[in-house]
Amino acid sequence: MSKWGIRAVWLGYAVFLFIMTHARIPQPVASVTSSWDKPLHLGAYFVLATLTAAVCLKLKPYRLSHILIFPALALFGAFDEILQGPFGRHPDIRDWASDCLGIAIGLAAAQVIVWLLNHPDRLSKLPLFRTSEEKQTAGEASGFAQ
């Protein structure tokens, strides 16, 4: 996907997320999703963070853009929570904490991917990515019993 395509997906998702968090939830849906509220926040902001990382991060680790993404997304989440009040929703600091946790996990996952892309030789050394011949020469077990 092109850089502009990723940007369009990111922008569309951010707008969708903002709209959905301000829409009134029908009572039958609210009763089903109420126990999943915090994990839903975490997942939604995990996706937002990974999409933001795909748009903003370069393959060079530890750039200034990496440092600015978390506070910018946390601020977006805070405004998102605060602005729910006028729309009949209830702002909750725990929802924002779940948002921030999702952001942190999403950015950490993106950083791992960036690191792996910068060190392709290390990827082949991970046991998960070894071929069966490489495992046998390394003396690793390839079955239940030897």
C-alpha atoms as a PDB file:
ATOM      1  CA  MET A   1       0.000   0.000   0.000  1.00  0.00           C
ATOM      2  CA  SER A   2       1.280   3.463  -0.834  1.00  0.00           C
ATOM      3  CA  LYS A   3       2.151   6.060   1.782  1.00  0.00           C
ATOM      4  CA  TRP A   4      -0.933   8.063   0.759  1.00  0.00           C
ATOM      5  CA  GLY A   5      -3.113   4.973   1.078  1.00  0.00           C
ATOM      6  CA  ILE A   6      -1.901   4.376   4.628  1.00  0.00           C
ATOM      7  CA  ARG A   7      -2.527   8.026   5.446  1.00  0.00           C
ATOM      8  CA  ALA A   8      -6.085   7.796   4.101  1.00  0.00           C
ATOM      9  CA  VAL A   9      -6.759   4.660   6.185  1.00  0.00           C
ATOM     10  CA  TRP A  10      -5.287   6.361   9.280  1.00  0.00           C
ATOM     11  CA  LEU A  11      -7.355   9.513   8.828  1.00  0.00           C
ATOM     12  CA  GLY A  12     -10.512   7.538   8.096  1.00  0.00           C
ATOM     13  CA  TYR A  13     -10.002   5.385  11.195  1.00  0.00           C
ATOM     14  CA  ALA A  14      -9.341   8.413  13.437  1.00  0.00           C
ATOM     15  CA  VAL A  15     -12.518  10.120  12.208  1.00  0.00           C
ATOM     16  CA  PHE A  16     -14.516   6.881  12.549  1.00  0.00           C
ATOM     17  CA  LEU A  17     -13.194   6.382  16.095  1.00  0.00           C
ATOM     18  CA  PHE A  18     -14.073   9.943  17.088  1.00  0.00           C
ATOM     19  CA  ILE A  19     -17.599   9.667  15.649  1.00  0.00           C
ATOM     20  CA  MET A  20     -18.269   6.270  17.210  1.00  0.00           C
ATOM     21  CA  THR A  21     -17.156   7.408  20.658  1.00  0.00           C
ATOM     22  CA  HIS A  22     -19.630  10.285  20.507  1.00  0.00           C
ATOM     23  CA  ALA A  23     -22.612   8.404  19.108  1.00  0.00           C
ATOM     24  CA  ARG A  24     -25.333   7.397  21.536  1.00  0.00           C
ATOM     25  CA  ILE A  25     -25.285   3.684  22.268  1.00  0.00           C
ATOM     26  CA  PRO A  26     -28.712   1.978  22.239  1.00  0.00           C
ATOM     27  CA  GLN A  27     -29.540   0.357  25.587  1.00  0.00           C
ATOM     28  CA  PRO A  28     -29.507  -3.265  24.298  1.00  0.00           C
ATOM     29  CA  VAL A  29     -26.034  -2.745  22.820  1.00  0.00           C
ATOM     30  CA  ALA A  30     -24.793  -0.882  25.913  1.00  0.00           C
ATOM     31  CA  SER A  31     -25.848  -3.730  28.205  1.00  0.00           C
ATOM     32  CA  VAL A  32     -23.869  -6.227  26.107  1.00  0.00           C
ATOM     33  CA  THR A  33     -20.728  -4.112  25.643  1.00  0.00           C
ATOM     34  CA  SER A  34     -20.541  -2.568  29.128  1.00  0.00           C
ATOM     35  CA  SER A  35     -18.287  -5.326  30.486  1.00  0.00           C
ATOM     36  CA  TRP A  36     -16.041  -4.994  27.426  1.00  0.00           C
ATOM     37  CA  ASP A  37     -15.709  -1.223  27.606  1.00  0.00           C
ATOM     38  CA  LYS A  38     -12.084  -1.027  28.735  1.00  0.00           C
ATOM     39  CA  PRO A  39     -10.756  -3.748  26.374  1.00  0.00           C
ATOM     40  CA  LEU A  40     -12.627  -2.066  23.503  1.00  0.00           C
ATOM     41  CA  HIS A  41     -10.908   1.231  24.319  1.00  0.00           C
ATOM     42  CA  LEU A  42      -7.539  -0.509  24.518  1.00  0.00           C
ATOM     43  CA  GLY A  43      -8.069  -2.251  21.169  1.00  0.00           C
ATOM     44  CA  ALA A  44      -9.354   0.847  19.404  1.00  0.00           C
ATOM     45  CA  TYR A  45      -6.380   2.945  20.482  1.00  0.00           C
ATOM     46  CA  PHE A  46      -3.956   0.077  19.790  1.00  0.00           C
ATOM     47  CA  VAL A  47      -5.137   0.162  16.170  1.00  0.00           C
ATOM     48  CA  LEU A  48      -4.929   3.975  16.096  1.00  0.00           C
ATOM     49  CA  ALA A  49      -1.376   3.884  17.475  1.00  0.00           C
ATOM     50  CA  THR A  50      -0.160   1.248  15.015  1.00  0.00           C
ATOM     51  CA  LEU A  51      -1.726   3.141  12.102  1.00  0.00           C
ATOM     52  CA  THR A  52      -0.165   6.376  13.361  1.00  0.00           C
ATOM     53  CA  ALA A  53       3.183   4.623  13.617  1.00  0.00           C
ATOM     54  CA  ALA A  54       2.803   3.361  10.048  1.00  0.00           C
ATOM     55  CA  VAL A  55       2.221   6.949   8.908  1.00  0.00           C
ATOM     56  CA  CYS A  56       4.807   8.728  11.079  1.00  0.00           C
ATOM     57  CA  LEU A  57       7.635   6.381  11.922  1.00  0.00           C
ATOM     58  CA  LYS A  58      10.723   6.041   9.838  1.00  0.00           C
ATOM     59  CA  LEU A  59      12.875   2.942   9.783  1.00  0.00           C
ATOM     60  CA  LYS A  60      15.454   4.838  11.801  1.00  0.00           C
ATOM     61  CA  PRO A  61      14.726   4.246  15.497  1.00  0.00           C
ATOM     62  CA  TYR A  62      14.709   6.906  18.204  1.00  0.00           C
ATOM     63  CA  ARG A  63      13.712   9.857  16.080  1.00  0.00           C
ATOM     64  CA  LEU A  64      11.879  12.848  17.546  1.00  0.00           C
ATOM     65  CA  SER A  65       8.657  11.757  15.842  1.00  0.00           C
ATOM     66  CA  HIS A  66       8.639   8.615  18.002  1.00  0.00           C
ATOM     67  CA  ILE A  67       8.684  10.695  21.168  1.00  0.00           C
ATOM     68  CA  LEU A  68       5.854  12.994  20.066  1.00  0.00           C
ATOM     69  CA  ILE A  69       3.380  10.305  18.971  1.00  0.00           C
ATOM     70  CA  PHE A  70       2.400   9.076  22.445  1.00  0.00           C
ATOM     71  CA  PRO A  71       1.548  12.506  23.918  1.00  0.00           C
ATOM     72  CA  ALA A  72      -0.313  13.520  20.749  1.00  0.00           C
ATOM     73  CA  LEU A  73      -2.457  10.374  20.782  1.00  0.00           C
ATOM     74  CA  ALA A  74      -2.981  10.591  24.555  1.00  0.00           C
ATOM     75  CA  LEU A  75      -4.182  14.174  24.067  1.00  0.00           C
ATOM     76  CA  PHE A  76      -6.517  12.999  21.288  1.00  0.00           C
ATOM     77  CA  GLY A  77      -7.896  10.362  23.688  1.00  0.00           C
ATOM     78  CA  ALA A  78      -8.337  12.930  26.461  1.00  0.00           C
ATOM     79  CA  PHE A  79     -10.246  15.315  24.190  1.00  0.00           C
ATOM     80  CA  ASP A  80     -12.271  12.385  22.935  1.00  0.00           C
ATOM     81  CA  GLU A  81     -13.300  11.521  26.510  1.00  0.00           C
ATOM     82  CA  ILE A  82     -13.940  15.121  27.593  1.00  0.00           C
ATOM     83  CA  LEU A  83     -16.084  15.921  24.560  1.00  0.00           C
ATOM     84  CA  GLN A  84     -18.380  12.933  25.152  1.00  0.00           C
ATOM     85  CA  GLY A  85     -20.294  14.780  27.891  1.00  0.00           C
ATOM     86  CA  PRO A  86     -22.313  17.080  25.609  1.00  0.00           C
ATOM     87  CA  PHE A  87     -23.347  14.051  23.525  1.00  0.00           C
ATOM     88  CA  GLY A  88     -24.991  12.166  26.386  1.00  0.00           C
ATOM     89  CA  ARG A  89     -22.027   9.878  27.029  1.00  0.00           C
ATOM     90  CA  HIS A  90     -20.087   9.724  30.281  1.00  0.00           C
ATOM     91  CA  PRO A  91     -16.395  10.674  30.240  1.00  0.00           C
ATOM     92  CA  ASP A  92     -14.330   8.271  32.335  1.00  0.00           C
ATOM     93  CA  ILE A  93     -10.681   8.592  33.381  1.00  0.00           C
ATOM     94  CA  ARG A  94     -10.419   4.783  33.301  1.00  0.00           C
ATOM     95  CA  ASP A  95     -11.437   4.817  29.648  1.00  0.00           C
ATOM     96  CA  TRP A  96      -8.647   7.289  28.970  1.00  0.00           C
ATOM     97  CA  ALA A  97      -6.208   5.082  30.903  1.00  0.00           C
ATOM     98  CA  SER A  98      -7.244   2.162  28.677  1.00  0.00           C
ATOM     99  CA  ASP A  99      -6.729   4.388  25.648  1.00  0.00           C
ATOM    100  CA  CYS A 100      -3.212   5.239  26.840  1.00  0.00           C
ATOM    101  CA  LEU A 101      -2.386   1.584  27.506  1.00  0.00           C
ATOM    102  CA  GLY A 102      -3.543   0.701  23.979  1.00  0.00           C
ATOM    103  CA  ILE A 103      -1.389   3.506  22.593  1.00  0.00           C
ATOM    104  CA  ALA A 104       1.656   2.298  24.525  1.00  0.00           C
ATOM    105  CA  ILE A 105       1.215  -1.315  23.416  1.00  0.00           C
ATOM    106  CA  GLY A 106       0.573  -0.272  19.811  1.00  0.00           C
ATOM    107  CA  LEU A 107       3.668   1.928  19.685  1.00  0.00           C
ATOM    108  CA  ALA A 108       5.765  -0.788  21.342  1.00  0.00           C
ATOM    109  CA  ALA A 109       4.583  -3.301  18.735  1.00  0.00           C
ATOM    110  CA  ALA A 110       5.402  -0.830  15.968  1.00  0.00           C
ATOM    111  CA  GLN A 111       8.859  -0.250  17.433  1.00  0.00           C
ATOM    112  CA  VAL A 112       9.521  -4.012  17.520  1.00  0.00           C
ATOM    113  CA  ILE A 113       8.527  -4.208  13.852  1.00  0.00           C
ATOM    114  CA  VAL A 114      10.818  -1.273  13.019  1.00  0.00           C
ATOM    115  CA  TRP A 115      13.674  -2.946  14.905  1.00  0.00           C
ATOM    116  CA  LEU A 116      13.112  -6.236  13.076  1.00  0.00           C
ATOM    117  CA  LEU A 117      13.035  -4.427   9.729  1.00  0.00           C
ATOM    118  CA  ASN A 118      16.331  -2.730  10.621  1.00  0.00           C
ATOM    119  CA  HIS A 119      17.887  -6.066  11.673  1.00  0.00           C
ATOM    120  CA  PRO A 120      16.714  -8.697   9.172  1.00  0.00           C
ATOM    121  CA  ASP A 121      19.667 -10.921  10.077  1.00  0.00           C
ATOM    122  CA  ARG A 122      18.371 -11.172  13.652  1.00  0.00           C
ATOM    123  CA  LEU A 123      14.928 -12.259  12.470  1.00  0.00           C
ATOM    124  CA  SER A 124      16.322 -15.419  10.891  1.00  0.00           C
ATOM    125  CA  LYS A 125      17.969 -16.345  14.212  1.00  0.00           C
ATOM    126  CA  LEU A 126      14.678 -16.425  16.107  1.00  0.00           C
ATOM    127  CA  PRO A 127      13.460 -20.019  16.705  1.00  0.00           C
ATOM    128  CA  LEU A 128      10.069 -19.219  15.235  1.00  0.00           C
ATOM    129  CA  PHE A 129      11.593 -18.388  11.841  1.00  0.00           C
ATOM    130  CA  ARG A 130      14.131 -21.218  11.558  1.00  0.00           C
ATOM    131  CA  THR A 131      13.713 -23.960   9.012  1.00  0.00           C
ATOM    132  CA  SER A 132      13.620 -27.577  10.148  1.00  0.00           C
ATOM    133  CA  GLU A 133      17.151 -28.138   8.783  1.00  0.00           C
ATOM    134  CA  GLU A 134      18.467 -25.184  10.799  1.00  0.00           C
ATOM    135  CA  LYS A 135      16.772 -26.546  13.923  1.00  0.00           C
ATOM    136  CA  GLN A 136      18.347 -29.962  13.431  1.00  0.00           C
ATOM    137  CA  THR A 137      21.832 -28.531  12.937  1.00  0.00           C
ATOM    138  CA  ALA A 138      21.347 -26.389  16.041  1.00  0.00           C
ATOM    139  CA  GLY A 139      20.327 -29.494  17.992  1.00  0.00           C
ATOM    140  CA  GLU A 140      16.813 -28.333  18.742  1.00  0.00           C
ATOM    141  CA  ALA A 141      14.019 -30.847  19.241  1.00  0.00           C
ATOM    142  CA  SER A 142      11.652 -31.024  16.313  1.00  0.00           C
ATOM    143  CA  GLY A 143       9.035 -33.355  17.754  1.00  0.00           C
ATOM    144  CA  PHE A 144       7.494 -34.592  20.994  1.00  0.00           C
ATOM    145  CA  ALA A 145      10.131 -37.257  21.649  1.00  0.00           C
ATOM    146  CA  GLN A 146      13.633 -37.791  20.463  1.00  0.00           C
END
